């Protein structure tokens, strides 16, 4: 696991879900990165990171390559759905 930083992604690219999760773990607004439309994400460190890692709904990957492989294997989002 990366020392000090973790990325949080929504498997459906749901920005509202990421915003709610960021609020829940106490992440600052600037932790939300929307520059990559394919995978908007949160960059977490310190207490927000610790809270996210303790959440049983969070899937943790040791390597970024493992996370990307998992995401690419998911079925495409429905047209008009959260990522559409």
PDB file of N, CA and C in Angstrom:
ATOM      1  N   UNK A   1       0.849  -1.176   0.000  1.00  0.00           N
ATOM      2  CA  UNK A   1       0.000   0.000   0.000  1.00  0.00           C
ATOM      3  C   UNK A   1       0.890   1.234   0.000  1.00  0.00           C
ATOM      4  N   UNK A   2       0.495   2.252  -0.755  1.00  0.00           N
ATOM      5  CA  UNK A   2       1.279   3.483  -0.827  1.00  0.00           C
ATOM      6  C   UNK A   2       1.377   4.132   0.545  1.00  0.00           C
ATOM      7  N   UNK A   3       2.554   4.563   0.875  1.00  0.00           N
ATOM      8  CA  UNK A   3       2.755   5.204   2.175  1.00  0.00           C
ATOM      9  C   UNK A   3       2.123   6.587   2.181  1.00  0.00           C
ATOM     10  N   UNK A   4       1.195   6.788   3.084  1.00  0.00           N
ATOM     11  CA  UNK A   4       0.636   8.110   3.287  1.00  0.00           C
ATOM     12  C   UNK A   4      -0.514   8.548   2.413  1.00  0.00           C
ATOM     13  N   UNK A   5      -0.713   7.938   1.263  1.00  0.00           N
ATOM     14  CA  UNK A   5      -1.777   8.346   0.346  1.00  0.00           C
ATOM     15  C   UNK A   5      -2.587   7.144  -0.103  1.00  0.00           C
ATOM     16  N   UNK A   6      -3.874   7.374  -0.326  1.00  0.00           N
ATOM     17  CA  UNK A   6      -4.738   6.368  -0.936  1.00  0.00           C
ATOM     18  C   UNK A   6      -5.698   7.071  -1.881  1.00  0.00           C
ATOM     19  N   UNK A   7      -6.041   6.384  -2.965  1.00  0.00           N
ATOM     20  CA  UNK A   7      -7.029   6.881  -3.919  1.00  0.00           C
ATOM     21  C   UNK A   7      -8.337   6.145  -3.669  1.00  0.00           C
ATOM     22  N   UNK A   8      -9.438   6.874  -3.736  1.00  0.00           N
ATOM     23  CA  UNK A   8     -10.766   6.279  -3.615  1.00  0.00           C
ATOM     24  C   UNK A   8     -11.507   6.564  -4.904  1.00  0.00           C
ATOM     25  N   UNK A   9     -12.021   5.506  -5.533  1.00  0.00           N
ATOM     26  CA  UNK A   9     -12.787   5.636  -6.767  1.00  0.00           C
ATOM     27  C   UNK A   9     -14.179   5.057  -6.563  1.00  0.00           C
ATOM     28  N   UNK A  10     -15.120   5.552  -7.328  1.00  0.00           N
ATOM     29  CA  UNK A  10     -16.459   4.983  -7.395  1.00  0.00           C
ATOM     30  C   UNK A  10     -16.477   4.034  -8.580  1.00  0.00           C
ATOM     31  N   UNK A  11     -16.939   2.813  -8.385  1.00  0.00           N
ATOM     32  CA  UNK A  11     -16.962   1.857  -9.496  1.00  0.00           C
ATOM     33  C   UNK A  11     -17.937   2.273 -10.587  1.00  0.00           C
ATOM     34  N   UNK A  12     -18.821   3.233 -10.290  1.00  0.00           N
ATOM     35  CA  UNK A  12     -19.761   3.737 -11.288  1.00  0.00           C
ATOM     36  C   UNK A  12     -19.427   5.175 -11.690  1.00  0.00           C
ATOM     37  N   UNK A  13     -18.262   5.678 -11.251  1.00  0.00           N
ATOM     38  CA  UNK A  13     -17.841   7.058 -11.528  1.00  0.00           C
ATOM     39  C   UNK A  13     -18.862   8.085 -11.046  1.00  0.00           C
ATOM     40  N   UNK A  14     -19.507   7.782  -9.940  1.00  0.00           N
ATOM     41  CA  UNK A  14     -20.535   8.642  -9.361  1.00  0.00           C
ATOM     42  C   UNK A  14     -19.865   9.720  -8.507  1.00  0.00           C
ATOM     43  N   UNK A  15     -19.791  10.933  -9.043  1.00  0.00           N
ATOM     44  CA  UNK A  15     -19.122  12.036  -8.344  1.00  0.00           C
ATOM     45  C   UNK A  15     -19.855  12.368  -7.042  1.00  0.00           C
ATOM     46  N   UNK A  16     -21.183  12.321  -7.045  1.00  0.00           N
ATOM     47  CA  UNK A  16     -21.937  12.601  -5.821  1.00  0.00           C
ATOM     48  C   UNK A  16     -21.595  11.574  -4.734  1.00  0.00           C
ATOM     49  N   UNK A  17     -21.416  10.320  -5.133  1.00  0.00           N
ATOM     50  CA  UNK A  17     -21.025   9.280  -4.179  1.00  0.00           C
ATOM     51  C   UNK A  17     -19.648   9.601  -3.592  1.00  0.00           C
ATOM     52  N   UNK A  18     -18.718  10.029  -4.434  1.00  0.00           N
ATOM     53  CA  UNK A  18     -17.383  10.401  -3.954  1.00  0.00           C
ATOM     54  C   UNK A  18     -17.454  11.595  -3.004  1.00  0.00           C
ATOM     55  N   UNK A  19     -18.296  12.570  -3.339  1.00  0.00           N
ATOM     56  CA  UNK A  19     -18.449  13.733  -2.457  1.00  0.00           C
ATOM     57  C   UNK A  19     -18.992  13.315  -1.090  1.00  0.00           C
ATOM     58  N   UNK A  20     -20.011  12.454  -1.087  1.00  0.00           N
ATOM     59  CA  UNK A  20     -20.581  11.977   0.190  1.00  0.00           C
ATOM     60  C   UNK A  20     -19.545  11.192   0.986  1.00  0.00           C
ATOM     61  N   UNK A  21     -18.793  10.335   0.303  1.00  0.00           N
ATOM     62  CA  UNK A  21     -17.779   9.546   0.989  1.00  0.00           C
ATOM     63  C   UNK A  21     -16.698  10.459   1.565  1.00  0.00           C
ATOM     64  N   UNK A  22     -16.270  11.443   0.786  1.00  0.00           N
ATOM     65  CA  UNK A  22     -15.279  12.394   1.276  1.00  0.00           C
ATOM     66  C   UNK A  22     -15.752  13.119   2.524  1.00  0.00           C
ATOM     67  N   UNK A  23     -17.014  13.529   2.534  1.00  0.00           N
ATOM     68  CA  UNK A  23     -17.581  14.175   3.725  1.00  0.00           C
ATOM     69  C   UNK A  23     -17.596  13.216   4.905  1.00  0.00           C
ATOM     70  N   UNK A  24     -17.982  11.975   4.632  1.00  0.00           N
ATOM     71  CA  UNK A  24     -18.080  10.970   5.703  1.00  0.00           C
ATOM     72  C   UNK A  24     -16.737  10.716   6.382  1.00  0.00           C
ATOM     73  N   UNK A  25     -15.653  10.718   5.605  1.00  0.00           N
ATOM     74  CA  UNK A  25     -14.347  10.439   6.198  1.00  0.00           C
ATOM     75  C   UNK A  25     -13.600  11.709   6.592  1.00  0.00           C
ATOM     76  N   UNK A  26     -14.207  12.880   6.346  1.00  0.00           N
ATOM     77  CA  UNK A  26     -13.588  14.141   6.751  1.00  0.00           C
ATOM     78  C   UNK A  26     -12.520  14.660   5.804  1.00  0.00           C
ATOM     79  N   UNK A  27     -12.624  14.316   4.527  1.00  0.00           N
ATOM     80  CA  UNK A  27     -11.646  14.780   3.538  1.00  0.00           C
ATOM     81  C   UNK A  27     -11.954  16.225   3.144  1.00  0.00           C
ATOM     82  N   UNK A  28     -10.923  17.038   2.923  1.00  0.00           N
ATOM     83  CA  UNK A  28     -11.171  18.402   2.436  1.00  0.00           C
ATOM     84  C   UNK A  28     -11.683  18.367   1.001  1.00  0.00           C
ATOM     85  N   UNK A  29     -12.374  19.421   0.582  1.00  0.00           N
ATOM     86  CA  UNK A  29     -12.943  19.478  -0.773  1.00  0.00           C
ATOM     87  C   UNK A  29     -11.890  19.280  -1.858  1.00  0.00           C
ATOM     88  N   UNK A  30     -10.681  19.797  -1.627  1.00  0.00           N
ATOM     89  CA  UNK A  30      -9.641  19.698  -2.648  1.00  0.00           C
ATOM     90  C   UNK A  30      -9.129  18.273  -2.831  1.00  0.00           C
ATOM     91  N   UNK A  31      -9.576  17.332  -2.009  1.00  0.00           N
ATOM     92  CA  UNK A  31      -9.195  15.926  -2.179  1.00  0.00           C
ATOM     93  C   UNK A  31      -9.894  15.300  -3.383  1.00  0.00           C
ATOM     94  N   UNK A  32     -11.011  15.906  -3.832  1.00  0.00           N
ATOM     95  CA  UNK A  32     -11.754  15.381  -4.977  1.00  0.00           C
ATOM     96  C   UNK A  32     -11.118  15.864  -6.277  1.00  0.00           C
ATOM     97  N   UNK A  33     -10.727  14.916  -7.116  1.00  0.00           N
ATOM     98  CA  UNK A  33     -10.084  15.231  -8.392  1.00  0.00           C
ATOM     99  C   UNK A  33     -10.996  14.803  -9.539  1.00  0.00           C
ATOM    100  N   UNK A  34     -11.398  15.771 -10.338  1.00  0.00           N
ATOM    101  CA  UNK A  34     -12.321  15.520 -11.440  1.00  0.00           C
ATOM    102  C   UNK A  34     -11.660  15.645 -12.798  1.00  0.00           C
ATOM    103  N   UNK A  35     -10.355  15.859 -12.849  1.00  0.00           N
ATOM    104  CA  UNK A  35      -9.642  16.058 -14.106  1.00  0.00           C
ATOM    105  C   UNK A  35      -9.679  14.852 -15.032  1.00  0.00           C
ATOM    106  N   UNK A  36      -9.742  13.654 -14.467  1.00  0.00           N
ATOM    107  CA  UNK A  36      -9.797  12.438 -15.276  1.00  0.00           C
ATOM    108  C   UNK A  36     -11.251  11.988 -15.329  1.00  0.00           C
ATOM    109  N   UNK A  37     -11.948  12.271 -16.437  1.00  0.00           N
ATOM    110  CA  UNK A  37     -13.376  11.941 -16.526  1.00  0.00           C
ATOM    111  C   UNK A  37     -13.630  10.445 -16.414  1.00  0.00           C
ATOM    112  N   UNK A  38     -12.654   9.652 -16.826  1.00  0.00           N
ATOM    113  CA  UNK A  38     -12.850   8.204 -16.774  1.00  0.00           C
ATOM    114  C   UNK A  38     -12.873   7.709 -15.330  1.00  0.00           C
ATOM    115  N   UNK A  39     -11.982   8.245 -14.491  1.00  0.00           N
ATOM    116  CA  UNK A  39     -11.921   7.825 -13.098  1.00  0.00           C
ATOM    117  C   UNK A  39     -11.756   9.010 -12.159  1.00  0.00           C
ATOM    118  N   UNK A  40     -12.847   9.762 -11.917  1.00  0.00           N
ATOM    119  CA  UNK A  40     -12.749  10.795 -10.884  1.00  0.00           C
ATOM    120  C   UNK A  40     -12.427  10.093  -9.564  1.00  0.00           C
ATOM    121  N   UNK A  41     -11.711  10.756  -8.687  1.00  0.00           N
ATOM    122  CA  UNK A  41     -11.291  10.069  -7.462  1.00  0.00           C
ATOM    123  C   UNK A  41     -10.993  11.044  -6.340  1.00  0.00           C
ATOM    124  N   UNK A  42     -10.875  10.481  -5.147  1.00  0.00           N
ATOM    125  CA  UNK A  42     -10.422  11.219  -3.981  1.00  0.00           C
ATOM    126  C   UNK A  42      -8.984  10.820  -3.689  1.00  0.00           C
ATOM    127  N   UNK A  43      -8.136  11.780  -3.350  1.00  0.00           N
ATOM    128  CA  UNK A  43      -6.800  11.503  -2.832  1.00  0.00           C
ATOM    129  C   UNK A  43      -6.866  11.742  -1.333  1.00  0.00           C
ATOM    130  N   UNK A  44      -6.635  10.698  -0.564  1.00  0.00           N
ATOM    131  CA  UNK A  44      -6.760  10.807   0.891  1.00  0.00           C
ATOM    132  C   UNK A  44      -5.438  10.580   1.597  1.00  0.00           C
ATOM    133  N   UNK A  45      -5.238  11.296   2.691  1.00  0.00           N
ATOM    134  CA  UNK A  45      -4.088  11.072   3.555  1.00  0.00           C
ATOM    135  C   UNK A  45      -4.510  11.361   4.993  1.00  0.00           C
ATOM    136  N   UNK A  46      -3.671  10.987   5.925  1.00  0.00           N
ATOM    137  CA  UNK A  46      -3.866  11.217   7.358  1.00  0.00           C
ATOM    138  C   UNK A  46      -5.173  10.609   7.853  1.00  0.00           C
ATOM    139  N   UNK A  47      -5.920  11.353   8.663  1.00  0.00           N
ATOM    140  CA  UNK A  47      -7.137  10.803   9.288  1.00  0.00           C
ATOM    141  C   UNK A  47      -8.208  10.381   8.281  1.00  0.00           C
ATOM    142  N   UNK A  48      -8.508  11.188   7.249  1.00  0.00           N
ATOM    143  CA  UNK A  48      -9.500  10.721   6.275  1.00  0.00           C
ATOM    144  C   UNK A  48      -9.092   9.386   5.646  1.00  0.00           C
ATOM    145  N   UNK A  49      -7.802   9.210   5.367  1.00  0.00           N
ATOM    146  CA  UNK A  49      -7.314   7.946   4.803  1.00  0.00           C
ATOM    147  C   UNK A  49      -7.535   6.808   5.788  1.00  0.00           C
ATOM    148  N   UNK A  50      -7.191   7.032   7.053  1.00  0.00           N
ATOM    149  CA  UNK A  50      -7.356   5.993   8.067  1.00  0.00           C
ATOM    150  C   UNK A  50      -8.826   5.598   8.207  1.00  0.00           C
ATOM    151  N   UNK A  51      -9.720   6.598   8.176  1.00  0.00           N
ATOM    152  CA  UNK A  51     -11.162   6.299   8.270  1.00  0.00           C
ATOM    153  C   UNK A  51     -11.630   5.494   7.056  1.00  0.00           C
ATOM    154  N   UNK A  52     -11.158   5.869   5.874  1.00  0.00           N
ATOM    155  CA  UNK A  52     -11.549   5.149   4.652  1.00  0.00           C
ATOM    156  C   UNK A  52     -11.054   3.707   4.690  1.00  0.00           C
ATOM    157  N   UNK A  53      -9.817   3.499   5.105  1.00  0.00           N
ATOM    158  CA  UNK A  53      -9.257   2.142   5.147  1.00  0.00           C
ATOM    159  C   UNK A  53      -9.962   1.263   6.176  1.00  0.00           C
ATOM    160  N   UNK A  54     -10.551   1.882   7.191  1.00  0.00           N
ATOM    161  CA  UNK A  54     -11.269   1.127   8.223  1.00  0.00           C
ATOM    162  C   UNK A  54     -12.708   0.806   7.812  1.00  0.00           C
ATOM    163  N   UNK A  55     -13.178   1.413   6.734  1.00  0.00           N
ATOM    164  CA  UNK A  55     -14.559   1.219   6.274  1.00  0.00           C
ATOM    165  C   UNK A  55     -14.694  -0.153   5.621  1.00  0.00           C
ATOM    166  N   UNK A  56     -15.629  -0.993   6.102  1.00  0.00           N
ATOM    167  CA  UNK A  56     -15.778  -2.336   5.529  1.00  0.00           C
ATOM    168  C   UNK A  56     -16.280  -2.344   4.084  1.00  0.00           C
ATOM    169  N   UNK A  57     -16.830  -1.232   3.594  1.00  0.00           N
ATOM    170  CA  UNK A  57     -17.318  -1.164   2.216  1.00  0.00           C
ATOM    171  C   UNK A  57     -16.219  -0.793   1.229  1.00  0.00           C
ATOM    172  N   UNK A  58     -15.027  -0.486   1.730  1.00  0.00           N
ATOM    173  CA  UNK A  58     -13.928  -0.055   0.873  1.00  0.00           C
ATOM    174  C   UNK A  58     -13.083  -1.256   0.482  1.00  0.00           C
ATOM    175  N   UNK A  59     -12.838  -1.403  -0.803  1.00  0.00           N
ATOM    176  CA  UNK A  59     -11.967  -2.469  -1.320  1.00  0.00           C
ATOM    177  C   UNK A  59     -10.567  -1.883  -1.434  1.00  0.00           C
ATOM    178  N   UNK A  60      -9.599  -2.553  -0.840  1.00  0.00           N
ATOM    179  CA  UNK A  60      -8.222  -2.063  -0.807  1.00  0.00           C
ATOM    180  C   UNK A  60      -7.364  -2.894  -1.759  1.00  0.00           C
ATOM    181  N   UNK A  61      -6.550  -2.208  -2.556  1.00  0.00           N
ATOM    182  CA  UNK A  61      -5.628  -2.857  -3.477  1.00  0.00           C
ATOM    183  C   UNK A  61      -4.203  -2.472  -3.090  1.00  0.00           C
ATOM    184  N   UNK A  62      -3.314  -3.428  -3.130  1.00  0.00           N
ATOM    185  CA  UNK A  62      -1.919  -3.168  -2.795  1.00  0.00           C
ATOM    186  C   UNK A  62      -1.236  -2.317  -3.859  1.00  0.00           C
ATOM    187  N   UNK A  63      -1.594  -2.552  -5.123  1.00  0.00           N
ATOM    188  CA  UNK A  63      -0.936  -1.850  -6.224  1.00  0.00           C
ATOM    189  C   UNK A  63      -1.968  -1.186  -7.126  1.00  0.00           C
ATOM    190  N   UNK A  64      -1.597  -0.048  -7.685  1.00  0.00           N
ATOM    191  CA  UNK A  64      -2.489   0.658  -8.607  1.00  0.00           C
ATOM    192  C   UNK A  64      -2.856  -0.231  -9.786  1.00  0.00           C
ATOM    193  N   UNK A  65      -1.898  -1.006 -10.284  1.00  0.00           N
ATOM    194  CA  UNK A  65      -2.175  -1.894 -11.422  1.00  0.00           C
ATOM    195  C   UNK A  65      -3.287  -2.883 -11.083  1.00  0.00           C
ATOM    196  N   UNK A  66      -3.322  -3.383  -9.848  1.00  0.00           N
ATOM    197  CA  UNK A  66      -4.376  -4.313  -9.433  1.00  0.00           C
ATOM    198  C   UNK A  66      -5.735  -3.613  -9.420  1.00  0.00           C
ATOM    199  N   UNK A  67      -5.755  -2.377  -8.949  1.00  0.00           N
ATOM    200  CA  UNK A  67      -6.996  -1.616  -8.906  1.00  0.00           C
ATOM    201  C   UNK A  67      -7.504  -1.360 -10.327  1.00  0.00           C
ATOM    202  N   UNK A  68      -6.623  -0.961 -11.222  1.00  0.00           N
ATOM    203  CA  UNK A  68      -7.035  -0.684 -12.590  1.00  0.00           C
ATOM    204  C   UNK A  68      -7.536  -1.940 -13.294  1.00  0.00           C
ATOM    205  N   UNK A  69      -6.881  -3.068 -13.052  1.00  0.00           N
ATOM    206  CA  UNK A  69      -7.331  -4.335 -13.626  1.00  0.00           C
ATOM    207  C   UNK A  69      -8.752  -4.660 -13.141  1.00  0.00           C
ATOM    208  N   UNK A  70      -9.006  -4.446 -11.858  1.00  0.00           N
ATOM    209  CA  UNK A  70     -10.340  -4.684 -11.283  1.00  0.00           C
ATOM    210  C   UNK A  70     -11.374  -3.770 -11.955  1.00  0.00           C
ATOM    211  N   UNK A  71     -11.055  -2.479 -12.064  1.00  0.00           N
ATOM    212  CA  UNK A  71     -11.999  -1.526 -12.648  1.00  0.00           C
ATOM    213  C   UNK A  71     -12.303  -1.846 -14.106  1.00  0.00           C
ATOM    214  N   UNK A  72     -11.287  -2.210 -14.862  1.00  0.00           N
ATOM    215  CA  UNK A  72     -11.475  -2.512 -16.280  1.00  0.00           C
ATOM    216  C   UNK A  72     -12.288  -3.785 -16.494  1.00  0.00           C
ATOM    217  N   UNK A  73     -12.309  -4.670 -15.499  1.00  0.00           N
ATOM    218  CA  UNK A  73     -13.061  -5.918 -15.611  1.00  0.00           C
ATOM    219  C   UNK A  73     -14.540  -5.732 -15.274  1.00  0.00           C
ATOM    220  N   UNK A  74     -14.904  -4.585 -14.704  1.00  0.00           N
ATOM    221  CA  UNK A  74     -16.308  -4.342 -14.367  1.00  0.00           C
ATOM    222  C   UNK A  74     -17.127  -4.146 -15.626  1.00  0.00           C
ATOM    223  N   UNK A  75     -18.417  -4.523 -15.601  1.00  0.00           N
ATOM    224  CA  UNK A  75     -19.268  -4.268 -16.771  1.00  0.00           C
ATOM    225  C   UNK A  75     -19.418  -2.759 -16.977  1.00  0.00           C
ATOM    226  N   UNK A  76     -19.588  -2.312 -18.225  1.00  0.00           N
ATOM    227  CA  UNK A  76     -19.752  -0.876 -18.484  1.00  0.00           C
ATOM    228  C   UNK A  76     -20.998  -0.338 -17.790  1.00  0.00           C
ATOM    229  N   UNK A  77     -20.941   0.935 -17.423  1.00  0.00           N
ATOM    230  CA  UNK A  77     -22.091   1.590 -16.792  1.00  0.00           C
ATOM    231  C   UNK A  77     -23.231   1.677 -17.794  1.00  0.00           C
ATOM    232  N   UNK A  78     -24.456   1.637 -17.293  1.00  0.00           N
ATOM    233  CA  UNK A  78     -25.652   1.764 -18.127  1.00  0.00           C
ATOM    234  C   UNK A  78     -25.713   3.159 -18.725  1.00  0.00           C
ATOM    235  N   UNK A  79     -26.097   3.313 -20.004  1.00  0.00           N
ATOM    236  CA  UNK A  79     -26.283   4.643 -20.571  1.00  0.00           C
ATOM    237  C   UNK A  79     -27.310   5.416 -19.750  1.00  0.00           C
ATOM    238  N   UNK A  80     -26.975   6.647 -19.417  1.00  0.00           N
ATOM    239  CA  UNK A  80     -27.880   7.455 -18.608  1.00  0.00           C
ATOM    240  C   UNK A  80     -27.758   7.184 -17.136  1.00  0.00           C
ATOM    241  N   UNK A  81     -26.925   6.209 -16.755  1.00  0.00           N
ATOM    242  CA  UNK A  81     -26.706   5.909 -15.344  1.00  0.00           C
ATOM    243  C   UNK A  81     -25.701   6.870 -14.758  1.00  0.00           C
ATOM    244  N   UNK A  82     -25.193   6.584 -13.560  1.00  0.00           N
ATOM    245  CA  UNK A  82     -24.298   7.516 -12.872  1.00  0.00           C
ATOM    246  C   UNK A  82     -23.071   7.890 -13.685  1.00  0.00           C
ATOM    247  N   UNK A  83     -22.517   6.959 -14.470  1.00  0.00           N
ATOM    248  CA  UNK A  83     -21.321   7.272 -15.247  1.00  0.00           C
ATOM    249  C   UNK A  83     -21.651   7.672 -16.668  1.00  0.00           C
ATOM    250  N   UNK A  84     -22.929   7.596 -17.072  1.00  0.00           N
ATOM    251  CA  UNK A  84     -23.302   7.852 -18.453  1.00  0.00           C
ATOM    252  C   UNK A  84     -23.573   9.247 -18.694  1.00  0.00           C
TER     253      UNK A  84
END
